[in-house]
Every structure is written in C-alpha cells, then in structure tokens.
PDB file of N, CA and C in Angstrom:
ATOM      1  N   MET A   1       0.926  -1.132   0.044  1.00  0.00           N
ATOM      2  CA  MET A   1      -0.032   0.013  -0.012  1.00  0.00           C
ATOM      3  C   MET A   1       0.962   1.227  -0.050  1.00  0.00           C
ATOM      4  N   ASN A   2       0.588   2.111  -0.934  1.00  0.00           N
ATOM      5  CA  ASN A   2       1.453   3.395  -0.895  1.00  0.00           C
ATOM      6  C   ASN A   2       0.897   4.420   0.075  1.00  0.00           C
ATOM      7  N   ALA A   3       1.636   5.480   0.203  1.00  0.00           N
ATOM      8  CA  ALA A   3       1.342   6.634   1.313  1.00  0.00           C
ATOM      9  C   ALA A   3      -0.130   7.122   1.030  1.00  0.00           C
ATOM     10  N   GLY A   4      -0.340   7.411  -0.240  1.00  0.00           N
ATOM     11  CA  GLY A   4      -1.701   8.020  -0.495  1.00  0.00           C
ATOM     12  C   GLY A   4      -2.843   7.180  -0.229  1.00  0.00           C
ATOM     13  N   ALA A   5      -2.695   5.816  -0.578  1.00  0.00           N
ATOM     14  CA  ALA A   5      -3.774   4.881  -0.303  1.00  0.00           C
ATOM     15  C   ALA A   5      -3.973   4.678   1.349  1.00  0.00           C
ATOM     16  N   LEU A   6      -2.784   4.620   2.071  1.00  0.00           N
ATOM     17  CA  LEU A   6      -2.830   4.608   3.395  1.00  0.00           C
ATOM     18  C   LEU A   6      -3.575   5.797   3.952  1.00  0.00           C
ATOM     19  N   LEU A   7      -3.236   6.995   3.617  1.00  0.00           N
ATOM     20  CA  LEU A   7      -3.806   8.222   4.030  1.00  0.00           C
ATOM     21  C   LEU A   7      -5.399   8.172   3.795  1.00  0.00           C
ATOM     22  N   ARG A   8      -5.693   7.742   2.544  1.00  0.00           N
ATOM     23  CA  ARG A   8      -7.156   7.726   2.244  1.00  0.00           C
ATOM     24  C   ARG A   8      -7.986   6.714   3.087  1.00  0.00           C
ATOM     25  N   GLN A   9      -7.310   5.475   3.240  1.00  0.00           N
ATOM     26  CA  GLN A   9      -7.960   4.518   3.906  1.00  0.00           C
ATOM     27  C   GLN A   9      -8.276   4.826   5.469  1.00  0.00           C
ATOM     28  N   ARG A  10      -7.259   5.470   6.048  1.00  0.00           N
ATOM     29  CA  ARG A  10      -7.293   5.933   7.568  1.00  0.00           C
ATOM     30  C   ARG A  10      -8.212   7.135   7.572  1.00  0.00           C
ATOM     31  N   ARG A  11      -8.142   8.087   6.498  1.00  0.00           N
ATOM     32  CA  ARG A  11      -9.101   9.227   6.777  1.00  0.00           C
ATOM     33  C   ARG A  11     -10.402   8.820   6.647  1.00  0.00           C
ATOM     34  N   ARG A  12     -10.798   7.890   5.692  1.00  0.00           N
ATOM     35  CA  ARG A  12     -12.141   7.389   5.563  1.00  0.00           C
ATOM     36  C   ARG A  12     -12.618   6.540   6.791  1.00  0.00           C
ATOM     37  N   ALA A  13     -11.780   5.806   7.346  1.00  0.00           N
ATOM     38  CA  ALA A  13     -11.926   5.051   8.671  1.00  0.00           C
ATOM     39  C   ALA A  13     -12.470   6.020   9.775  1.00  0.00           C
ATOM     40  N   HIS A  14     -11.928   7.185   9.724  1.00  0.00           N
ATOM     41  CA  HIS A  14     -12.384   8.158  10.720  1.00  0.00           C
ATOM     42  C   HIS A  14     -13.598   8.909  10.314  1.00  0.00           C
ATOM     43  N   GLY A  15     -14.004   8.792   9.112  1.00  0.00           N
ATOM     44  CA  GLY A  15     -15.119   9.611   8.541  1.00  0.00           C
ATOM     45  C   GLY A  15     -14.798  11.092   8.412  1.00  0.00           C
ATOM     46  N   VAL A  16     -13.673  11.339   8.101  1.00  0.00           N
ATOM     47  CA  VAL A  16     -13.106  12.754   7.835  1.00  0.00           C
ATOM     48  C   VAL A  16     -13.019  13.029   6.395  1.00  0.00           C
ATOM     49  N   SER A  17     -13.555  14.156   6.057  1.00  0.00           N
ATOM     50  CA  SER A  17     -13.301  14.619   4.498  1.00  0.00           C
ATOM     51  C   SER A  17     -11.932  15.164   4.351  1.00  0.00           C
ATOM     52  N   GLN A  18     -11.523  15.150   2.975  1.00  0.00           N
ATOM     53  CA  GLN A  18     -10.233  15.819   2.777  1.00  0.00           C
ATOM     54  C   GLN A  18     -10.169  17.208   3.249  1.00  0.00           C
ATOM     55  N   ARG A  19     -11.280  17.975   3.174  1.00  0.00           N
ATOM     56  CA  ARG A  19     -11.217  19.347   3.538  1.00  0.00           C
ATOM     57  C   ARG A  19     -11.088  19.462   5.213  1.00  0.00           C
ATOM     58  N   GLU A  20     -11.702  18.613   5.859  1.00  0.00           N
ATOM     59  CA  GLU A  20     -11.567  18.669   7.420  1.00  0.00           C
ATOM     60  C   GLU A  20     -10.007  18.281   7.729  1.00  0.00           C
ATOM     61  N   LEU A  21      -9.556  17.207   7.096  1.00  0.00           N
ATOM     62  CA  LEU A  21      -8.174  16.691   7.306  1.00  0.00           C
ATOM     63  C   LEU A  21      -7.241  17.989   7.017  1.00  0.00           C
ATOM     64  N   ALA A  22      -7.410  18.593   5.852  1.00  0.00           N
ATOM     65  CA  ALA A  22      -6.583  19.777   5.623  1.00  0.00           C
ATOM     66  C   ALA A  22      -6.665  20.808   6.620  1.00  0.00           C
ATOM     67  N   LEU A  23      -7.802  21.210   7.134  1.00  0.00           N
ATOM     68  CA  LEU A  23      -7.967  22.125   8.208  1.00  0.00           C
ATOM     69  C   LEU A  23      -7.171  21.756   9.475  1.00  0.00           C
ATOM     70  N   ARG A  24      -7.460  20.463   9.890  1.00  0.00           N
ATOM     71  CA  ARG A  24      -6.793  19.947  11.021  1.00  0.00           C
ATOM     72  C   ARG A  24      -5.317  20.002  10.905  1.00  0.00           C
ATOM     73  N   ALA A  25      -4.777  19.614   9.702  1.00  0.00           N
ATOM     74  CA  ALA A  25      -3.235  19.555   9.524  1.00  0.00           C
ATOM     75  C   ALA A  25      -2.686  20.971   9.066  1.00  0.00           C
ATOM     76  N   GLY A  26      -3.493  21.910   8.832  1.00  0.00           N
ATOM     77  CA  GLY A  26      -2.969  23.240   8.440  1.00  0.00           C
ATOM     78  C   GLY A  26      -2.479  23.260   7.043  1.00  0.00           C
ATOM     79  N   THR A  27      -3.096  22.565   6.139  1.00  0.00           N
ATOM     80  CA  THR A  27      -2.763  22.534   4.653  1.00  0.00           C
ATOM     81  C   THR A  27      -4.002  22.815   3.952  1.00  0.00           C
ATOM     82  N   ARG A  28      -3.911  22.524   2.614  1.00  0.00           N
ATOM     83  CA  ARG A  28      -4.981  22.695   1.677  1.00  0.00           C
ATOM     84  C   ARG A  28      -5.627  21.308   1.408  1.00  0.00           C
ATOM     85  N   GLN A  29      -6.900  21.364   1.018  1.00  0.00           N
ATOM     86  CA  GLN A  29      -7.635  20.204   0.692  1.00  0.00           C
ATOM     87  C   GLN A  29      -6.994  19.667  -0.762  1.00  0.00           C
ATOM     88  N   ALA A  30      -6.470  20.504  -1.513  1.00  0.00           N
ATOM     89  CA  ALA A  30      -5.864  20.015  -2.913  1.00  0.00           C
ATOM     90  C   ALA A  30      -4.604  19.253  -2.512  1.00  0.00           C
ATOM     91  N   THR A  31      -3.961  19.490  -1.464  1.00  0.00           N
ATOM     92  CA  THR A  31      -2.608  18.769  -1.157  1.00  0.00           C
ATOM     93  C   THR A  31      -3.135  17.448  -0.692  1.00  0.00           C
ATOM     94  N   ILE A  32      -4.160  17.278   0.077  1.00  0.00           N
ATOM     95  CA  ILE A  32      -4.653  15.959   0.561  1.00  0.00           C
ATOM     96  C   ILE A  32      -4.985  15.148  -0.770  1.00  0.00           C
ATOM     97  N   SER A  33      -5.796  15.798  -1.534  1.00  0.00           N
ATOM     98  CA  SER A  33      -6.215  15.152  -2.804  1.00  0.00           C
ATOM     99  C   SER A  33      -4.986  14.553  -3.650  1.00  0.00           C
ATOM    100  N   ARG A  34      -3.946  15.508  -3.838  1.00  0.00           N
ATOM    101  CA  ARG A  34      -2.841  15.042  -4.562  1.00  0.00           C
ATOM    102  C   ARG A  34      -2.118  13.945  -4.018  1.00  0.00           C
ATOM    103  N   ILE A  35      -1.987  13.979  -2.673  1.00  0.00           N
ATOM    104  CA  ILE A  35      -1.339  12.794  -1.985  1.00  0.00           C
ATOM    105  C   ILE A  35      -2.115  11.588  -2.201  1.00  0.00           C
ATOM    106  N   GLU A  36      -3.460  11.599  -1.915  1.00  0.00           N
ATOM    107  CA  GLU A  36      -4.361  10.449  -2.063  1.00  0.00           C
ATOM    108  C   GLU A  36      -4.332   9.900  -3.406  1.00  0.00           C
ATOM    109  N   ASN A  37      -4.261  10.725  -4.244  1.00  0.00           N
ATOM    110  CA  ASN A  37      -4.283  10.243  -5.809  1.00  0.00           C
ATOM    111  C   ASN A  37      -2.985   9.884  -6.356  1.00  0.00           C
ATOM    112  N   GLY A  38      -1.840   9.914  -5.600  1.00  0.00           N
ATOM    113  CA  GLY A  38      -0.504   9.579  -6.069  1.00  0.00           C
ATOM    114  C   GLY A  38       0.154  10.569  -6.837  1.00  0.00           C
ATOM    115  N   HIS A  39      -0.277  11.844  -6.908  1.00  0.00           N
ATOM    116  CA  HIS A  39       0.357  12.887  -7.696  1.00  0.00           C
ATOM    117  C   HIS A  39       1.392  13.626  -6.860  1.00  0.00           C
ATOM    118  N   GLU A  40       1.425  13.391  -5.577  1.00  0.00           N
ATOM    119  CA  GLU A  40       2.492  13.904  -4.553  1.00  0.00           C
ATOM    120  C   GLU A  40       2.732  12.878  -3.624  1.00  0.00           C
ATOM    121  N   VAL A  41       4.081  12.602  -3.357  1.00  0.00           N
ATOM    122  CA  VAL A  41       4.489  11.635  -2.391  1.00  0.00           C
ATOM    123  C   VAL A  41       5.106  12.502  -1.151  1.00  0.00           C
ATOM    124  N   PRO A  42       4.263  12.274   0.012  1.00  0.00           N
ATOM    125  CA  PRO A  42       4.684  13.035   1.156  1.00  0.00           C
ATOM    126  C   PRO A  42       6.029  12.456   1.835  1.00  0.00           C
ATOM    127  N   THR A  43       6.622  13.186   2.482  1.00  0.00           N
ATOM    128  CA  THR A  43       7.803  12.661   3.348  1.00  0.00           C
ATOM    129  C   THR A  43       7.174  11.844   4.420  1.00  0.00           C
ATOM    130  N   VAL A  44       8.110  10.994   4.961  1.00  0.00           N
ATOM    131  CA  VAL A  44       7.696  10.184   6.183  1.00  0.00           C
ATOM    132  C   VAL A  44       7.109  11.221   7.272  1.00  0.00           C
ATOM    133  N   GLU A  45       7.762  12.306   7.457  1.00  0.00           N
ATOM    134  CA  GLU A  45       7.399  13.309   8.487  1.00  0.00           C
ATOM    135  C   GLU A  45       5.973  13.823   8.138  1.00  0.00           C
ATOM    136  N   ARG A  46       5.789  14.225   6.937  1.00  0.00           N
ATOM    137  CA  ARG A  46       4.555  14.753   6.579  1.00  0.00           C
ATOM    138  C   ARG A  46       3.458  13.773   6.756  1.00  0.00           C
ATOM    139  N   LEU A  47       3.529  12.517   6.203  1.00  0.00           N
ATOM    140  CA  LEU A  47       2.498  11.641   6.375  1.00  0.00           C
ATOM    141  C   LEU A  47       2.269  11.383   7.853  1.00  0.00           C
ATOM    142  N   GLY A  48       3.343  11.289   8.686  1.00  0.00           N
ATOM    143  CA  GLY A  48       3.166  11.234  10.180  1.00  0.00           C
ATOM    144  C   GLY A  48       2.315  12.377  10.668  1.00  0.00           C
ATOM    145  N   GLN A  49       2.464  13.528  10.223  1.00  0.00           N
ATOM    146  CA  GLN A  49       1.719  14.811  10.832  1.00  0.00           C
ATOM    147  C   GLN A  49       0.182  14.607  10.228  1.00  0.00           C
ATOM    148  N   LEU A  50       0.061  14.084   9.130  1.00  0.00           N
ATOM    149  CA  LEU A  50      -1.448  13.973   8.628  1.00  0.00           C
ATOM    150  C   LEU A  50      -1.989  12.814   9.407  1.00  0.00           C
ATOM    151  N   LEU A  51      -1.426  11.818   9.768  1.00  0.00           N
ATOM    152  CA  LEU A  51      -1.957  10.789  10.520  1.00  0.00           C
ATOM    153  C   LEU A  51      -2.310  11.262  11.920  1.00  0.00           C
ATOM    154  N   ILE A  52      -1.287  12.073  12.504  1.00  0.00           N
ATOM    155  CA  ILE A  52      -1.568  12.655  13.797  1.00  0.00           C
ATOM    156  C   ILE A  52      -2.826  13.406  13.868  1.00  0.00           C
ATOM    157  N   ALA A  53      -3.111  14.301  12.713  1.00  0.00           N
ATOM    158  CA  ALA A  53      -4.259  15.059  12.666  1.00  0.00           C
ATOM    159  C   ALA A  53      -5.503  14.153  12.662  1.00  0.00           C
ATOM    160  N   LEU A  54      -5.358  12.801  12.207  1.00  0.00           N
ATOM    161  CA  LEU A  54      -6.569  12.000  12.328  1.00  0.00           C
ATOM    162  C   LEU A  54      -6.524  11.181  13.659  1.00  0.00           C
ATOM    163  N   GLY A  55      -5.563  11.421  14.660  1.00  0.00           N
ATOM    164  CA  GLY A  55      -5.625  10.700  15.920  1.00  0.00           C
ATOM    165  C   GLY A  55      -4.958   9.375  15.875  1.00  0.00           C
ATOM    166  N   GLU A  56      -3.915   9.224  14.905  1.00  0.00           N
ATOM    167  CA  GLU A  56      -3.207   8.070  14.661  1.00  0.00           C
ATOM    168  C   GLU A  56      -1.725   8.418  14.556  1.00  0.00           C
ATOM    169  N   ARG A  57      -0.834   7.457  14.809  1.00  0.00           N
ATOM    170  CA  ARG A  57       0.629   7.638  14.606  1.00  0.00           C
ATOM    171  C   ARG A  57       1.186   6.732  13.634  1.00  0.00           C
ATOM    172  N   LEU A  58       2.195   7.246  12.790  1.00  0.00           N
ATOM    173  CA  LEU A  58       2.725   6.238  11.811  1.00  0.00           C
ATOM    174  C   LEU A  58       3.865   5.580  12.522  1.00  0.00           C
ATOM    175  N   GLU A  59       3.928   4.227  12.121  1.00  0.00           N
ATOM    176  CA  GLU A  59       5.029   3.366  12.715  1.00  0.00           C
ATOM    177  C   GLU A  59       5.598   2.688  11.574  1.00  0.00           C
ATOM    178  N   LEU A  60       7.002   2.885  11.524  1.00  0.00           N
ATOM    179  CA  LEU A  60       7.650   2.100  10.466  1.00  0.00           C
ATOM    180  C   LEU A  60       8.442   1.037  11.107  1.00  0.00           C
ATOM    181  N   ARG A  61       8.618  -0.120  10.408  1.00  0.00           N
ATOM    182  CA  ARG A  61       9.332  -1.199  10.980  1.00  0.00           C
ATOM    183  C   ARG A  61      10.161  -1.867   9.866  1.00  0.00           C
ATOM    184  N   ALA A  62      11.191  -2.332  10.254  1.00  0.00           N
ATOM    185  CA  ALA A  62      12.044  -3.204   9.302  1.00  0.00           C
ATOM    186  C   ALA A  62      11.876  -4.660   9.695  1.00  0.00           C
ATOM    187  N   ILE A  63      11.533  -5.440   8.815  1.00  0.00           N
ATOM    188  CA  ILE A  63      11.355  -6.931   9.130  1.00  0.00           C
ATOM    189  C   ILE A  63      12.377  -7.777   8.430  1.00  0.00           C
ATOM    190  N   PRO A  64      13.263  -8.534   9.239  1.00  0.00           N
ATOM    191  CA  PRO A  64      14.258  -9.161   8.635  1.00  0.00           C
ATOM    192  C   PRO A  64      13.788 -10.270   7.595  1.00  0.00           C
ATOM    193  N   LEU A  65      14.528 -10.289   6.445  1.00  0.00           N
ATOM    194  CA  LEU A  65      14.076 -11.092   5.350  1.00  0.00           C
ATOM    195  C   LEU A  65      13.872 -12.535   5.787  1.00  0.00           C
ATOM    196  N   GLU A  66      14.734 -13.088   6.696  1.00  0.00           N
ATOM    197  CA  GLU A  66      14.461 -14.476   7.105  1.00  0.00           C
ATOM    198  C   GLU A  66      13.213 -14.703   7.841  1.00  0.00           C
ATOM    199  N   ALA A  67      12.578 -13.522   8.198  1.00  0.00           N
ATOM    200  CA  ALA A  67      11.266 -13.888   8.709  1.00  0.00           C
ATOM    201  C   ALA A  67      10.167 -14.345   7.648  1.00  0.00           C
ATOM    202  N   GLU A  68      10.563 -14.141   6.457  1.00  0.00           N
ATOM    203  CA  GLU A  68       9.724 -14.565   5.475  1.00  0.00           C
ATOM    204  C   GLU A  68       9.997 -15.901   4.747  1.00  0.00           C
ATOM    205  N   ARG A  69      10.898 -16.548   5.493  1.00  0.00           N
ATOM    206  CA  ARG A  69      11.282 -17.920   4.940  1.00  0.00           C
ATOM    207  C   ARG A  69      10.132 -18.833   4.998  1.00  0.00           C
ATOM    208  N   PRO A  70      10.049 -19.776   3.958  1.00  0.00           N
ATOM    209  CA  PRO A  70       9.054 -20.751   3.953  1.00  0.00           C
ATOM    210  C   PRO A  70       9.073 -21.643   5.178  1.00  0.00           C
ATOM    211  N   LEU A  71       8.011 -22.024   5.622  1.00  0.00           N
ATOM    212  CA  LEU A  71       7.705 -22.806   6.858  1.00  0.00           C
ATOM    213  C   LEU A  71       8.540 -24.089   6.881  1.00  0.00           C
ATOM    214  N   ALA A  72       8.521 -24.739   5.636  1.00  0.00           N
ATOM    215  CA  ALA A  72       9.173 -26.006   5.497  1.00  0.00           C
ATOM    216  C   ALA A  72      10.706 -25.892   5.830  1.00  0.00           C
ATOM    217  N   ASP A  73      11.227 -24.673   5.287  1.00  0.00           N
ATOM    218  CA  ASP A  73      12.674 -24.360   5.740  1.00  0.00           C
ATOM    219  C   ASP A  73      12.974 -24.190   7.151  1.00  0.00           C
ATOM    220  N   VAL A  74      11.994 -23.476   7.748  1.00  0.00           N
ATOM    221  CA  VAL A  74      12.106 -23.195   9.231  1.00  0.00           C
ATOM    222  C   VAL A  74      12.044 -24.558  10.041  1.00  0.00           C
ATOM    223  N   ARG A  75      11.119 -25.434   9.620  1.00  0.00           N
ATOM    224  CA  ARG A  75      10.985 -26.679  10.236  1.00  0.00           C
ATOM    225  C   ARG A  75      12.063 -27.616  10.036  1.00  0.00           C
ATOM    226  N   ALA A  76      12.715 -27.563   8.764  1.00  0.00           N
ATOM    227  CA  ALA A  76      13.914 -28.340   8.549  1.00  0.00           C
ATOM    228  C   ALA A  76      15.124 -27.925   9.444  1.00  0.00           C
ATOM    229  N   ASP A  77      15.197 -26.675   9.541  1.00  0.00           N
ATOM    230  CA  ASP A  77      16.223 -26.141  10.407  1.00  0.00           C
ATOM    231  C   ASP A  77      16.109 -26.539  11.906  1.00  0.00           C
ATOM    232  N   ARG A  78      14.862 -26.518  12.417  1.00  0.00           N
ATOM    233  CA  ARG A  78      14.482 -26.898  13.681  1.00  0.00           C
ATOM    234  C   ARG A  78      14.781 -28.356  13.989  1.00  0.00           C
ATOM    235  N   ALA A  79      14.774 -29.118  12.890  1.00  0.00           N
ATOM    236  CA  ALA A  79      14.939 -30.637  13.107  1.00  0.00           C
ATOM    237  C   ALA A  79      16.341 -30.899  13.163  1.00  0.00           C
ATOM    238  N   LYS A  80      17.207 -30.158  12.719  1.00  0.00           N
ATOM    239  CA  LYS A  80      18.741 -30.385  12.880  1.00  0.00           C
ATOM    240  C   LYS A  80      19.062 -30.546  14.286  1.00  0.00           C
ATOM    241  N   PRO A  81      20.122 -31.375  14.555  1.00  0.00           N
ATOM    242  CA  PRO A  81      20.716 -31.440  15.842  1.00  0.00           C
ATOM    243  C   PRO A  81      21.274 -29.920  16.262  1.00  0.00           C
ATOM    244  N   MET A  82      21.391 -29.842  17.620  1.00  0.00           N
ATOM    245  CA  MET A  82      21.926 -28.421  18.090  1.00  0.00           C
ATOM    246  C   MET A  82      23.266 -28.173  17.526  1.00  0.00           C
ATOM    247  N   THR A  83      24.187 -29.172  17.500  1.00  0.00           N
ATOM    248  CA  THR A  83      25.477 -28.924  17.072  1.00  0.00           C
ATOM    249  C   THR A  83      25.435 -28.377  15.598  1.00  0.00           C
ATOM    250  N   ALA A  84      24.601 -28.994  14.700  1.00  0.00           N
ATOM    251  CA  ALA A  84      24.499 -28.502  13.226  1.00  0.00           C
ATOM    252  C   ALA A  84      23.932 -27.122  13.318  1.00  0.00           C
ATOM    253  N   ARG A  85      23.047 -26.743  14.215  1.00  0.00           N
ATOM    254  CA  ARG A  85      22.421 -25.467  14.192  1.00  0.00           C
ATOM    255  C   ARG A  85      23.517 -24.497  14.589  1.00  0.00           C
ATOM    256  N   LEU A  86      24.327 -24.835  15.575  1.00  0.00           N
ATOM    257  CA  LEU A  86      25.399 -24.031  16.016  1.00  0.00           C
ATOM    258  C   LEU A  86      26.256 -23.727  14.898  1.00  0.00           C
ATOM    259  N   GLU A  87      26.833 -24.825  14.295  1.00  0.00           N
ATOM    260  CA  GLU A  87      27.777 -24.654  13.185  1.00  0.00           C
ATOM    261  C   GLU A  87      27.180 -23.652  12.036  1.00  0.00           C
ATOM    262  N   ASP A  88      25.916 -23.892  11.767  1.00  0.00           N
ATOM    263  CA  ASP A  88      25.325 -22.859  10.696  1.00  0.00           C
ATOM    264  C   ASP A  88      25.313 -21.499  11.309  1.00  0.00           C
ATOM    265  N   GLY A  89      25.048 -21.269  12.515  1.00  0.00           N
ATOM    266  CA  GLY A  89      25.126 -20.022  13.192  1.00  0.00           C
ATOM    267  C   GLY A  89      26.564 -19.390  13.158  1.00  0.00           C
ATOM    268  N   PHE A  90      27.584 -20.195  13.428  1.00  0.00           N
ATOM    269  CA  PHE A  90      28.906 -19.621  13.440  1.00  0.00           C
ATOM    270  C   PHE A  90      29.373 -19.315  11.937  1.00  0.00           C
ATOM    271  N   ALA A  91      28.964 -20.133  10.987  1.00  0.00           N
ATOM    272  CA  ALA A  91      29.365 -19.835   9.674  1.00  0.00           C
ATOM    273  C   ALA A  91      28.615 -18.635   9.173  1.00  0.00           C
ATOM    274  N   LEU A  92      27.427 -18.479   9.572  1.00  0.00           N
ATOM    275  CA  LEU A  92      26.748 -17.088   9.198  1.00  0.00           C
ATOM    276  C   LEU A  92      27.393 -15.949   9.832  1.00  0.00           C
ATOM    277  N   ALA A  93      27.737 -16.066  11.035  1.00  0.00           N
ATOM    278  CA  ALA A  93      28.427 -14.887  11.799  1.00  0.00           C
ATOM    279  C   ALA A  93      29.706 -14.712  11.121  1.00  0.00           C
ATOM    280  N   SER A  94      30.495 -15.657  10.792  1.00  0.00           N
ATOM    281  CA  SER A  94      31.692 -15.532  10.048  1.00  0.00           C
ATOM    282  C   SER A  94      31.539 -14.733   8.725  1.00  0.00           C
ATOM    283  N   PHE A  95      30.572 -15.123   7.932  1.00  0.00           N
ATOM    284  CA  PHE A  95      30.357 -14.634   6.730  1.00  0.00           C
ATOM    285  C   PHE A  95      29.998 -13.166   6.828  1.00  0.00           C
ATOM    286  N   ALA A  96      29.061 -12.883   7.832  1.00  0.00           N
ATOM    287  CA  ALA A  96      28.694 -11.386   8.158  1.00  0.00           C
ATOM    288  C   ALA A  96      29.814 -10.573   8.569  1.00  0.00           C
ATOM    289  N   SER A  97      30.634 -11.214   9.348  1.00  0.00           N
ATOM    290  CA  SER A  97      31.938 -10.438   9.693  1.00  0.00           C
ATOM    291  C   SER A  97      32.855 -10.060   8.488  1.00  0.00           C
ATOM    292  N   GLN A  98      32.928 -11.042   7.573  1.00  0.00           N
ATOM    293  CA  GLN A  98      33.694 -10.812   6.459  1.00  0.00           C
ATOM    294  C   GLN A  98      33.069  -9.646   5.522  1.00  0.00           C
ATOM    295  N   LEU A  99      31.805  -9.754   5.439  1.00  0.00           N
ATOM    296  CA  LEU A  99      31.149  -8.559   4.694  1.00  0.00           C
ATOM    297  C   LEU A  99      31.176  -7.221   5.266  1.00  0.00           C
ATOM    298  N   SER A 100      31.343  -7.289   6.614  1.00  0.00           N
ATOM    299  CA  SER A 100      31.591  -5.855   7.193  1.00  0.00           C
ATOM    300  C   SER A 100      32.918  -5.400   7.301  1.00  0.00           C
ATOM    301  N   GLY A 101      33.863  -6.284   6.819  1.00  0.00           N
ATOM    302  CA  GLY A 101      35.274  -5.997   7.005  1.00  0.00           C
ATOM    303  C   GLY A 101      35.918  -6.015   8.375  1.00  0.00           C
ATOM    304  N   THR A 102      35.190  -6.675   9.235  1.00  0.00           N
ATOM    305  CA  THR A 102      35.870  -6.768  10.564  1.00  0.00           C
ATOM    306  C   THR A 102      36.391  -8.066  10.910  1.00  0.00           C
ATOM    307  N   ALA A 103      36.519  -8.976   9.860  1.00  0.00           N
ATOM    308  CA  ALA A 103      37.160 -10.223  10.087  1.00  0.00           C
ATOM    309  C   ALA A 103      38.607 -10.142  10.380  1.00  0.00           C
ATOM    310  N   ARG A 104      38.958 -10.960  11.270  1.00  0.00           N
ATOM    311  CA  ARG A 104      40.513 -10.997  11.504  1.00  0.00           C
ATOM    312  C   ARG A 104      41.124 -11.988  10.700  1.00  0.00           C
ATOM    313  N   GLN A 105      42.197 -11.688  10.231  1.00  0.00           N
ATOM    314  CA  GLN A 105      42.879 -12.604   9.369  1.00  0.00           C
ATOM    315  C   GLN A 105      44.147 -13.253   9.914  1.00  0.00           C
TER     316      GLN A 105
END
C-alpha cells in the first residue's frame, strides 16, 4: 500500500473529509487530494503529521528477510541437531563479519 492509499484508508475510517483533514493539518484540501491520488508523495514526517491530525501515529518497521522464509525451511532447520544449528550460526556470523570488513585474518 502506498502513502496516498494509506492516508485515504485511514481518513475514511475516521469519517473525515479531505477538507476537514486539511483544516486539522494546516494545509489545503488540494494537497490531501494530490497525496491520496498519487500525484504527490509526502515525506515520512509529513505523512506522520497528517495521521496525527486523524488521531493516529505512523509506525515504520524493518522486518528481517529471514522472517519470510518458507515454513518447510524453518521446520527443517529446527529438526537439525543442536550442534549442526550452532555450526550454521557460526558460519553465518563469520560470513557477516567478512562482509562488514571486521574479520580478523
């Protein structure tokens, strides 16, 4: 969902018109319309301000990619003996260290 669609969804959920939101946020109705229709992309700060005017707050999260692993892969990893899991972990740590340039040689 893009910023404009999110704003429209939350504004409508509160039963607020574009005009009312603009008044609450100290901007113009045309600005709200441009954002909602994808003709203007607000900064994260601006989107946060508009949501505050609706009584909500914007929350950004970063989700690790491994959180999206297929369940079968997760189950297979869990079925490994602890020693194999530790070896995998150490190998990953070593690889990450090499990528960051902090590996000792």
